[in-house]
């Protein structure tokens, strides 16, 4: 898989996990791709499971994944770090939401 595609898909996975957590809590969401805004909409208990550092790693790749001319190509190391960040967000929220109550 091309590294740029991996970074884009990692961003999407984190975005869907954040949106899923918000929906599970009955919190209305707008049609956005902004991980920082989605993270800030989480309940305080859920927010503990999402690292701002992980969100920061993923933020640049929403647009870059769609429009490659805007940002240089990702390398393998960058792709791995974004996939790892997304995995921590997805797993953390899944454990929190599915294990809660």
PDB file of N, CA and C in Angstrom:
ATOM      1  N   UNK A   1       0.854  -1.172   0.000  1.00  0.00           N
ATOM      2  CA  UNK A   1       0.000   0.000   0.000  1.00  0.00           C
ATOM      3  C   UNK A   1       0.899   1.234   0.000  1.00  0.00           C
ATOM      4  N   UNK A   2       0.597   2.205  -0.831  1.00  0.00           N
ATOM      5  CA  UNK A   2       1.386   3.442  -0.828  1.00  0.00           C
ATOM      6  C   UNK A   2       1.278   4.142   0.532  1.00  0.00           C
ATOM      7  N   UNK A   3       2.370   4.679   1.056  1.00  0.00           N
ATOM      8  CA  UNK A   3       2.327   5.332   2.370  1.00  0.00           C
ATOM      9  C   UNK A   3       1.260   6.422   2.482  1.00  0.00           C
ATOM     10  N   UNK A   4       1.081   7.220   1.420  1.00  0.00           N
ATOM     11  CA  UNK A   4       0.062   8.278   1.476  1.00  0.00           C
ATOM     12  C   UNK A   4      -1.323   7.690   1.703  1.00  0.00           C
ATOM     13  N   UNK A   5      -1.631   6.598   1.049  1.00  0.00           N
ATOM     14  CA  UNK A   5      -2.933   5.962   1.219  1.00  0.00           C
ATOM     15  C   UNK A   5      -3.092   5.442   2.647  1.00  0.00           C
ATOM     16  N   UNK A   6      -2.035   4.884   3.206  1.00  0.00           N
ATOM     17  CA  UNK A   6      -2.095   4.389   4.586  1.00  0.00           C
ATOM     18  C   UNK A   6      -2.381   5.529   5.562  1.00  0.00           C
ATOM     19  N   UNK A   7      -1.762   6.692   5.342  1.00  0.00           N
ATOM     20  CA  UNK A   7      -2.003   7.821   6.245  1.00  0.00           C
ATOM     21  C   UNK A   7      -3.441   8.322   6.123  1.00  0.00           C
ATOM     22  N   UNK A   8      -3.942   8.372   4.911  1.00  0.00           N
ATOM     23  CA  UNK A   8      -5.317   8.815   4.673  1.00  0.00           C
ATOM     24  C   UNK A   8      -6.311   7.857   5.320  1.00  0.00           C
ATOM     25  N   UNK A   9      -6.108   6.568   5.132  1.00  0.00           N
ATOM     26  CA  UNK A   9      -7.022   5.577   5.705  1.00  0.00           C
ATOM     27  C   UNK A   9      -6.939   5.556   7.228  1.00  0.00           C
ATOM     28  N   UNK A  10      -5.757   5.808   7.773  1.00  0.00           N
ATOM     29  CA  UNK A  10      -5.610   5.890   9.230  1.00  0.00           C
ATOM     30  C   UNK A  10      -6.432   7.055   9.770  1.00  0.00           C
ATOM     31  N   UNK A  11      -6.362   8.182   9.076  1.00  0.00           N
ATOM     32  CA  UNK A  11      -7.166   9.342   9.480  1.00  0.00           C
ATOM     33  C   UNK A  11      -8.653   8.983   9.453  1.00  0.00           C
ATOM     34  N   UNK A  12      -9.088   8.328   8.398  1.00  0.00           N
ATOM     35  CA  UNK A  12     -10.502   7.944   8.295  1.00  0.00           C
ATOM     36  C   UNK A  12     -10.916   7.010   9.428  1.00  0.00           C
ATOM     37  N   UNK A  13     -10.059   6.062   9.775  1.00  0.00           N
ATOM     38  CA  UNK A  13     -10.388   5.123  10.856  1.00  0.00           C
ATOM     39  C   UNK A  13     -10.574   5.865  12.175  1.00  0.00           C
ATOM     40  N   UNK A  14      -9.669   6.789  12.466  1.00  0.00           N
ATOM     41  CA  UNK A  14      -9.785   7.566  13.700  1.00  0.00           C
ATOM     42  C   UNK A  14     -11.038   8.441  13.674  1.00  0.00           C
ATOM     43  N   UNK A  15     -11.293   9.048  12.523  1.00  0.00           N
ATOM     44  CA  UNK A  15     -12.486   9.894  12.376  1.00  0.00           C
ATOM     45  C   UNK A  15     -13.749   9.090  12.652  1.00  0.00           C
ATOM     46  N   UNK A  16     -13.836   7.898  12.083  1.00  0.00           N
ATOM     47  CA  UNK A  16     -15.028   7.069  12.276  1.00  0.00           C
ATOM     48  C   UNK A  16     -15.154   6.608  13.725  1.00  0.00           C
ATOM     49  N   UNK A  17     -14.038   6.320  14.376  1.00  0.00           N
ATOM     50  CA  UNK A  17     -14.085   5.919  15.784  1.00  0.00           C
ATOM     51  C   UNK A  17     -14.581   7.068  16.662  1.00  0.00           C
ATOM     52  N   UNK A  18     -14.085   8.270  16.402  1.00  0.00           N
ATOM     53  CA  UNK A  18     -14.532   9.436  17.157  1.00  0.00           C
ATOM     54  C   UNK A  18     -16.022   9.687  16.921  1.00  0.00           C
ATOM     55  N   UNK A  19     -16.444   9.641  15.677  1.00  0.00           N
ATOM     56  CA  UNK A  19     -17.857   9.849  15.367  1.00  0.00           C
ATOM     57  C   UNK A  19     -18.723   8.755  15.983  1.00  0.00           C
ATOM     58  N   UNK A  20     -18.256   7.530  15.942  1.00  0.00           N
ATOM     59  CA  UNK A  20     -18.995   6.429  16.540  1.00  0.00           C
ATOM     60  C   UNK A  20     -19.170   6.604  18.035  1.00  0.00           C
ATOM     61  N   UNK A  21     -18.120   7.069  18.715  1.00  0.00           N
ATOM     62  CA  UNK A  21     -18.206   7.302  20.157  1.00  0.00           C
ATOM     63  C   UNK A  21     -19.222   8.405  20.459  1.00  0.00           C
ATOM     64  N   UNK A  22     -19.192   9.455  19.650  1.00  0.00           N
ATOM     65  CA  UNK A  22     -20.145  10.550  19.861  1.00  0.00           C
ATOM     66  C   UNK A  22     -21.579  10.079  19.634  1.00  0.00           C
ATOM     67  N   UNK A  23     -21.796   9.331  18.577  1.00  0.00           N
ATOM     68  CA  UNK A  23     -23.136   8.809  18.286  1.00  0.00           C
ATOM     69  C   UNK A  23     -23.599   7.871  19.399  1.00  0.00           C
ATOM     70  N   UNK A  24     -22.693   7.037  19.894  1.00  0.00           N
ATOM     71  CA  UNK A  24     -23.042   6.113  20.975  1.00  0.00           C
ATOM     72  C   UNK A  24     -23.494   6.847  22.231  1.00  0.00           C
ATOM     73  N   UNK A  25     -22.985   8.059  22.412  1.00  0.00           N
ATOM     74  CA  UNK A  25     -23.358   8.858  23.584  1.00  0.00           C
ATOM     75  C   UNK A  25     -24.525   9.806  23.299  1.00  0.00           C
ATOM     76  N   UNK A  26     -25.060   9.735  22.074  1.00  0.00           N
ATOM     77  CA  UNK A  26     -26.193  10.591  21.732  1.00  0.00           C
ATOM     78  C   UNK A  26     -25.803  12.035  21.458  1.00  0.00           C
ATOM     79  N   UNK A  27     -24.531  12.263  21.142  1.00  0.00           N
ATOM     80  CA  UNK A  27     -24.051  13.614  20.856  1.00  0.00           C
ATOM     81  C   UNK A  27     -24.146  13.853  19.352  1.00  0.00           C
ATOM     82  N   UNK A  28     -24.825  14.911  18.985  1.00  0.00           N
ATOM     83  CA  UNK A  28     -24.993  15.241  17.568  1.00  0.00           C
ATOM     84  C   UNK A  28     -23.651  15.640  16.952  1.00  0.00           C
ATOM     85  N   UNK A  29     -23.427  15.201  15.729  1.00  0.00           N
ATOM     86  CA  UNK A  29     -22.190  15.559  15.036  1.00  0.00           C
ATOM     87  C   UNK A  29     -22.511  16.252  13.724  1.00  0.00           C
ATOM     88  N   UNK A  30     -21.610  17.132  13.340  1.00  0.00           N
ATOM     89  CA  UNK A  30     -21.733  17.781  12.040  1.00  0.00           C
ATOM     90  C   UNK A  30     -20.956  16.953  11.025  1.00  0.00           C
ATOM     91  N   UNK A  31     -21.191  17.217   9.761  1.00  0.00           N
ATOM     92  CA  UNK A  31     -20.451  16.536   8.699  1.00  0.00           C
ATOM     93  C   UNK A  31     -19.100  17.222   8.547  1.00  0.00           C
ATOM     94  N   UNK A  32     -18.124  16.758   9.333  1.00  0.00           N
ATOM     95  CA  UNK A  32     -16.780  17.336   9.327  1.00  0.00           C
ATOM     96  C   UNK A  32     -15.748  16.216   9.304  1.00  0.00           C
ATOM     97  N   UNK A  33     -14.516  16.603   9.030  1.00  0.00           N
ATOM     98  CA  UNK A  33     -13.394  15.664   9.077  1.00  0.00           C
ATOM     99  C   UNK A  33     -12.351  16.120  10.098  1.00  0.00           C
ATOM    100  N   UNK A  34     -12.684  17.127  10.879  1.00  0.00           N
ATOM    101  CA  UNK A  34     -11.766  17.760  11.823  1.00  0.00           C
ATOM    102  C   UNK A  34     -11.653  16.924  13.103  1.00  0.00           C
ATOM    103  N   UNK A  35     -10.546  16.205  13.233  1.00  0.00           N
ATOM    104  CA  UNK A  35     -10.363  15.332  14.396  1.00  0.00           C
ATOM    105  C   UNK A  35     -10.275  16.117  15.694  1.00  0.00           C
ATOM    106  N   UNK A  36      -9.706  17.306  15.642  1.00  0.00           N
ATOM    107  CA  UNK A  36      -9.585  18.124  16.856  1.00  0.00           C
ATOM    108  C   UNK A  36     -10.971  18.521  17.352  1.00  0.00           C
ATOM    109  N   UNK A  37     -11.830  18.941  16.455  1.00  0.00           N
ATOM    110  CA  UNK A  37     -13.196  19.310  16.856  1.00  0.00           C
ATOM    111  C   UNK A  37     -13.962  18.085  17.351  1.00  0.00           C
ATOM    112  N   UNK A  38     -13.804  16.976  16.667  1.00  0.00           N
ATOM    113  CA  UNK A  38     -14.482  15.754  17.116  1.00  0.00           C
ATOM    114  C   UNK A  38     -13.995  15.346  18.503  1.00  0.00           C
ATOM    115  N   UNK A  39     -12.688  15.408  18.711  1.00  0.00           N
ATOM    116  CA  UNK A  39     -12.127  15.061  20.015  1.00  0.00           C
ATOM    117  C   UNK A  39     -12.679  15.988  21.097  1.00  0.00           C
ATOM    118  N   UNK A  40     -12.783  17.270  20.799  1.00  0.00           N
ATOM    119  CA  UNK A  40     -13.269  18.229  21.796  1.00  0.00           C
ATOM    120  C   UNK A  40     -14.752  18.024  22.120  1.00  0.00           C
ATOM    121  N   UNK A  41     -15.471  17.305  21.278  1.00  0.00           N
ATOM    122  CA  UNK A  41     -16.892  17.046  21.504  1.00  0.00           C
ATOM    123  C   UNK A  41     -17.134  15.812  22.375  1.00  0.00           C
ATOM    124  N   UNK A  42     -16.094  15.025  22.623  1.00  0.00           N
ATOM    125  CA  UNK A  42     -16.243  13.818  23.445  1.00  0.00           C
ATOM    126  C   UNK A  42     -16.596  14.176  24.886  1.00  0.00           C
ATOM    127  N   UNK A  43     -17.254  13.262  25.563  1.00  0.00           N
ATOM    128  CA  UNK A  43     -17.451  13.443  27.000  1.00  0.00           C
ATOM    129  C   UNK A  43     -16.084  13.408  27.661  1.00  0.00           C
ATOM    130  N   UNK A  44     -15.968  13.989  28.834  1.00  0.00           N
ATOM    131  CA  UNK A  44     -14.663  14.012  29.502  1.00  0.00           C
ATOM    132  C   UNK A  44     -14.162  12.599  29.795  1.00  0.00           C
ATOM    133  N   UNK A  45     -15.073  11.696  30.124  1.00  0.00           N
ATOM    134  CA  UNK A  45     -14.669  10.314  30.394  1.00  0.00           C
ATOM    135  C   UNK A  45     -14.141   9.629  29.140  1.00  0.00           C
ATOM    136  N   UNK A  46     -14.785   9.865  28.005  1.00  0.00           N
ATOM    137  CA  UNK A  46     -14.332   9.269  26.747  1.00  0.00           C
ATOM    138  C   UNK A  46     -13.045   9.927  26.256  1.00  0.00           C
ATOM    139  N   UNK A  47     -12.918  11.225  26.492  1.00  0.00           N
ATOM    140  CA  UNK A  47     -11.746  11.967  26.023  1.00  0.00           C
ATOM    141  C   UNK A  47     -10.453  11.434  26.629  1.00  0.00           C
ATOM    142  N   UNK A  48     -10.531  10.842  27.798  1.00  0.00           N
ATOM    143  CA  UNK A  48      -9.347  10.277  28.442  1.00  0.00           C
ATOM    144  C   UNK A  48      -8.723   9.153  27.612  1.00  0.00           C
ATOM    145  N   UNK A  49      -9.492   8.583  26.698  1.00  0.00           N
ATOM    146  CA  UNK A  49      -9.026   7.460  25.892  1.00  0.00           C
ATOM    147  C   UNK A  49      -8.471   7.895  24.533  1.00  0.00           C
ATOM    148  N   UNK A  50      -8.397   9.208  24.310  1.00  0.00           N
ATOM    149  CA  UNK A  50      -7.895   9.730  23.037  1.00  0.00           C
ATOM    150  C   UNK A  50      -6.771  10.720  23.326  1.00  0.00           C
ATOM    151  N   UNK A  51      -5.590  10.379  22.910  1.00  0.00           N
ATOM    152  CA  UNK A  51      -4.430  11.235  23.119  1.00  0.00           C
ATOM    153  C   UNK A  51      -4.397  12.364  22.090  1.00  0.00           C
ATOM    154  N   UNK A  52      -4.207  13.577  22.569  1.00  0.00           N
ATOM    155  CA  UNK A  52      -4.054  14.716  21.656  1.00  0.00           C
ATOM    156  C   UNK A  52      -2.836  14.539  20.761  1.00  0.00           C
ATOM    157  N   UNK A  53      -1.813  13.888  21.272  1.00  0.00           N
ATOM    158  CA  UNK A  53      -0.620  13.627  20.457  1.00  0.00           C
ATOM    159  C   UNK A  53      -0.968  12.729  19.274  1.00  0.00           C
ATOM    160  N   UNK A  54      -1.809  11.731  19.492  1.00  0.00           N
ATOM    161  CA  UNK A  54      -2.238  10.854  18.392  1.00  0.00           C
ATOM    162  C   UNK A  54      -3.069  11.633  17.379  1.00  0.00           C
ATOM    163  N   UNK A  55      -3.959  12.475  17.860  1.00  0.00           N
ATOM    164  CA  UNK A  55      -4.776  13.292  16.951  1.00  0.00           C
ATOM    165  C   UNK A  55      -3.859  14.189  16.118  1.00  0.00           C
ATOM    166  N   UNK A  56      -2.872  14.804  16.760  1.00  0.00           N
ATOM    167  CA  UNK A  56      -1.951  15.701  16.050  1.00  0.00           C
ATOM    168  C   UNK A  56      -1.186  14.993  14.941  1.00  0.00           C
ATOM    169  N   UNK A  57      -0.844  13.734  15.160  1.00  0.00           N
ATOM    170  CA  UNK A  57      -0.146  12.954  14.130  1.00  0.00           C
ATOM    171  C   UNK A  57      -1.035  12.751  12.910  1.00  0.00           C
ATOM    172  N   UNK A  58      -2.320  12.599  13.130  1.00  0.00           N
ATOM    173  CA  UNK A  58      -3.257  12.277  12.057  1.00  0.00           C
ATOM    174  C   UNK A  58      -3.798  13.488  11.308  1.00  0.00           C
ATOM    175  N   UNK A  59      -3.881  14.620  11.958  1.00  0.00           N
ATOM    176  CA  UNK A  59      -4.535  15.795  11.379  1.00  0.00           C
ATOM    177  C   UNK A  59      -4.049  16.154   9.973  1.00  0.00           C
ATOM    178  N   UNK A  60      -2.759  16.191   9.709  1.00  0.00           N
ATOM    179  CA  UNK A  60      -2.317  16.634   8.373  1.00  0.00           C
ATOM    180  C   UNK A  60      -2.761  15.736   7.227  1.00  0.00           C
ATOM    181  N   UNK A  61      -3.144  14.518   7.518  1.00  0.00           N
ATOM    182  CA  UNK A  61      -3.359  13.550   6.449  1.00  0.00           C
ATOM    183  C   UNK A  61      -4.788  13.466   5.944  1.00  0.00           C
ATOM    184  N   UNK A  62      -5.687  14.236   6.480  1.00  0.00           N
ATOM    185  CA  UNK A  62      -7.043  14.254   5.939  1.00  0.00           C
ATOM    186  C   UNK A  62      -7.044  14.872   4.550  1.00  0.00           C
ATOM    187  N   UNK A  63      -6.512  16.059   4.456  1.00  0.00           N
ATOM    188  CA  UNK A  63      -6.470  16.758   3.174  1.00  0.00           C
ATOM    189  C   UNK A  63      -5.343  16.216   2.298  1.00  0.00           C
ATOM    190  N   UNK A  64      -4.193  15.950   2.895  1.00  0.00           N
ATOM    191  CA  UNK A  64      -3.050  15.454   2.118  1.00  0.00           C
ATOM    192  C   UNK A  64      -3.382  14.141   1.427  1.00  0.00           C
ATOM    193  N   UNK A  65      -4.179  13.329   2.087  1.00  0.00           N
ATOM    194  CA  UNK A  65      -4.556  12.063   1.474  1.00  0.00           C
ATOM    195  C   UNK A  65      -5.448  12.245   0.263  1.00  0.00           C
ATOM    196  N   UNK A  66      -6.228  13.306   0.293  1.00  0.00           N
ATOM    197  CA  UNK A  66      -7.135  13.580  -0.817  1.00  0.00           C
ATOM    198  C   UNK A  66      -6.461  14.393  -1.918  1.00  0.00           C
ATOM    199  N   UNK A  67      -5.596  15.307  -1.516  1.00  0.00           N
ATOM    200  CA  UNK A  67      -4.983  16.245  -2.462  1.00  0.00           C
ATOM    201  C   UNK A  67      -3.465  16.210  -2.329  1.00  0.00           C
ATOM    202  N   UNK A  68      -2.816  15.260  -2.943  1.00  0.00           N
ATOM    203  CA  UNK A  68      -1.383  15.055  -2.759  1.00  0.00           C
ATOM    204  C   UNK A  68      -0.505  16.247  -3.124  1.00  0.00           C
ATOM    205  N   UNK A  69      -0.962  17.127  -3.980  1.00  0.00           N
ATOM    206  CA  UNK A  69      -0.128  18.266  -4.362  1.00  0.00           C
ATOM    207  C   UNK A  69       0.060  19.247  -3.205  1.00  0.00           C
ATOM    208  N   UNK A  70      -0.817  19.208  -2.199  1.00  0.00           N
ATOM    209  CA  UNK A  70      -0.749  20.154  -1.088  1.00  0.00           C
ATOM    210  C   UNK A  70       0.345  19.833  -0.077  1.00  0.00           C
ATOM    211  N   UNK A  71       0.728  18.583   0.041  1.00  0.00           N
ATOM    212  CA  UNK A  71       1.724  18.149   1.028  1.00  0.00           C
ATOM    213  C   UNK A  71       2.611  17.106   0.373  1.00  0.00           C
ATOM    214  N   UNK A  72       3.864  17.096   0.757  1.00  0.00           N
ATOM    215  CA  UNK A  72       4.767  16.084   0.211  1.00  0.00           C
ATOM    216  C   UNK A  72       4.316  14.678   0.546  1.00  0.00           C
ATOM    217  N   UNK A  73       4.837  13.728  -0.185  1.00  0.00           N
ATOM    218  CA  UNK A  73       4.436  12.342   0.021  1.00  0.00           C
ATOM    219  C   UNK A  73       4.889  11.836   1.385  1.00  0.00           C
ATOM    220  N   UNK A  74       4.145  10.925   1.938  1.00  0.00           N
ATOM    221  CA  UNK A  74       4.499  10.290   3.206  1.00  0.00           C
ATOM    222  C   UNK A  74       5.529   9.205   2.944  1.00  0.00           C
ATOM    223  N   UNK A  75       6.393   8.999   3.929  1.00  0.00           N
ATOM    224  CA  UNK A  75       7.326   7.882   3.841  1.00  0.00           C
ATOM    225  C   UNK A  75       6.795   6.737   4.706  1.00  0.00           C
ATOM    226  N   UNK A  76       7.492   5.633   4.676  1.00  0.00           N
ATOM    227  CA  UNK A  76       7.045   4.437   5.408  1.00  0.00           C
ATOM    228  C   UNK A  76       6.924   4.708   6.910  1.00  0.00           C
ATOM    229  N   UNK A  77       7.894   5.399   7.465  1.00  0.00           N
ATOM    230  CA  UNK A  77       7.891   5.695   8.902  1.00  0.00           C
ATOM    231  C   UNK A  77       6.684   6.549   9.290  1.00  0.00           C
ATOM    232  N   UNK A  78       6.379   7.541   8.479  1.00  0.00           N
ATOM    233  CA  UNK A  78       5.211   8.395   8.733  1.00  0.00           C
ATOM    234  C   UNK A  78       3.927   7.581   8.646  1.00  0.00           C
ATOM    235  N   UNK A  79       3.845   6.732   7.643  1.00  0.00           N
ATOM    236  CA  UNK A  79       2.658   5.889   7.499  1.00  0.00           C
ATOM    237  C   UNK A  79       2.478   4.989   8.713  1.00  0.00           C
ATOM    238  N   UNK A  80       3.559   4.390   9.172  1.00  0.00           N
ATOM    239  CA  UNK A  80       3.468   3.525  10.353  1.00  0.00           C
ATOM    240  C   UNK A  80       3.033   4.302  11.585  1.00  0.00           C
ATOM    241  N   UNK A  81       3.564   5.503  11.775  1.00  0.00           N
ATOM    242  CA  UNK A  81       3.199   6.273  12.962  1.00  0.00           C
ATOM    243  C   UNK A  81       1.736   6.711  12.914  1.00  0.00           C
ATOM    244  N   UNK A  82       1.221   7.021  11.735  1.00  0.00           N
ATOM    245  CA  UNK A  82      -0.190   7.406  11.646  1.00  0.00           C
ATOM    246  C   UNK A  82      -1.107   6.208  11.873  1.00  0.00           C
ATOM    247  N   UNK A  83      -0.733   5.067  11.338  1.00  0.00           N
ATOM    248  CA  UNK A  83      -1.537   3.855  11.557  1.00  0.00           C
ATOM    249  C   UNK A  83      -1.532   3.488  13.038  1.00  0.00           C
ATOM    250  N   UNK A  84      -0.398   3.603  13.692  1.00  0.00           N
ATOM    251  CA  UNK A  84      -0.321   3.300  15.128  1.00  0.00           C
ATOM    252  C   UNK A  84      -1.174   4.278  15.940  1.00  0.00           C
ATOM    253  N   UNK A  85      -1.124   5.555  15.585  1.00  0.00           N
ATOM    254  CA  UNK A  85      -1.935   6.556  16.296  1.00  0.00           C
ATOM    255  C   UNK A  85      -3.423   6.252  16.126  1.00  0.00           C
ATOM    256  N   UNK A  86      -3.831   5.963  14.904  1.00  0.00           N
ATOM    257  CA  UNK A  86      -5.239   5.638  14.649  1.00  0.00           C
ATOM    258  C   UNK A  86      -5.651   4.381  15.403  1.00  0.00           C
ATOM    259  N   UNK A  87      -4.772   3.394  15.440  1.00  0.00           N
ATOM    260  CA  UNK A  87      -5.082   2.147  16.150  1.00  0.00           C
ATOM    261  C   UNK A  87      -5.324   2.408  17.631  1.00  0.00           C
ATOM    262  N   UNK A  88      -4.509   3.277  18.232  1.00  0.00           N
ATOM    263  CA  UNK A  88      -4.707   3.585  19.661  1.00  0.00           C
ATOM    264  C   UNK A  88      -6.053   4.282  19.884  1.00  0.00           C
ATOM    265  N   UNK A  89      -6.425   5.169  18.979  1.00  0.00           N
ATOM    266  CA  UNK A  89      -7.710   5.862  19.114  1.00  0.00           C
ATOM    267  C   UNK A  89      -8.869   4.880  18.947  1.00  0.00           C
ATOM    268  N   UNK A  90      -8.813   4.084  17.906  1.00  0.00           N
ATOM    269  CA  UNK A  90      -9.890   3.115  17.644  1.00  0.00           C
ATOM    270  C   UNK A  90     -10.005   2.131  18.800  1.00  0.00           C
ATOM    271  N   UNK A  91      -8.904   1.549  19.216  1.00  0.00           N
ATOM    272  CA  UNK A  91      -8.946   0.558  20.297  1.00  0.00           C
ATOM    273  C   UNK A  91      -9.384   1.178  21.617  1.00  0.00           C
ATOM    274  N   UNK A  92      -8.860   2.361  21.930  1.00  0.00           N
ATOM    275  CA  UNK A  92      -9.231   3.011  23.180  1.00  0.00           C
ATOM    276  C   UNK A  92     -10.703   3.318  23.261  1.00  0.00           C
ATOM    277  N   UNK A  93     -11.244   3.882  22.189  1.00  0.00           N
ATOM    278  CA  UNK A  93     -12.668   4.207  22.200  1.00  0.00           C
ATOM    279  C   UNK A  93     -13.540   2.958  22.142  1.00  0.00           C
ATOM    280  N   UNK A  94     -13.106   1.962  21.408  1.00  0.00           N
ATOM    281  CA  UNK A  94     -13.888   0.713  21.362  1.00  0.00           C
ATOM    282  C   UNK A  94     -13.957   0.080  22.738  1.00  0.00           C
ATOM    283  N   UNK A  95     -12.837   0.039  23.436  1.00  0.00           N
ATOM    284  CA  UNK A  95     -12.843  -0.523  24.786  1.00  0.00           C
ATOM    285  C   UNK A  95     -13.720   0.304  25.721  1.00  0.00           C
ATOM    286  N   UNK A  96     -13.616   1.610  25.592  1.00  0.00           N
ATOM    287  CA  UNK A  96     -14.398   2.505  26.451  1.00  0.00           C
ATOM    288  C   UNK A  96     -15.897   2.360  26.173  1.00  0.00           C
ATOM    289  N   UNK A  97     -16.282   2.426  24.925  1.00  0.00           N
ATOM    290  CA  UNK A  97     -17.709   2.399  24.580  1.00  0.00           C
ATOM    291  C   UNK A  97     -18.301   0.998  24.767  1.00  0.00           C
ATOM    292  N   UNK A  98     -17.619  -0.005  24.284  1.00  0.00           N
ATOM    293  CA  UNK A  98     -18.161  -1.366  24.373  1.00  0.00           C
ATOM    294  C   UNK A  98     -18.058  -1.943  25.770  1.00  0.00           C
ATOM    295  N   UNK A  99     -17.080  -1.455  26.544  1.00  0.00           N
ATOM    296  CA  UNK A  99     -16.893  -1.964  27.894  1.00  0.00           C
ATOM    297  C   UNK A  99     -17.633  -1.159  28.947  1.00  0.00           C
ATOM    298  N   UNK A 100     -18.210  -0.025  28.542  1.00  0.00           N
ATOM    299  CA  UNK A 100     -18.887   0.858  29.501  1.00  0.00           C
ATOM    300  C   UNK A 100     -20.263   0.314  29.867  1.00  0.00           C
ATOM    301  N   UNK A 101     -20.689   0.740  31.022  1.00  0.00           N
ATOM    302  CA  UNK A 101     -22.031   0.420  31.519  1.00  0.00           C
ATOM    303  C   UNK A 101     -22.218  -1.036  31.511  1.00  0.00           C
TER     304      UNK A 101
END
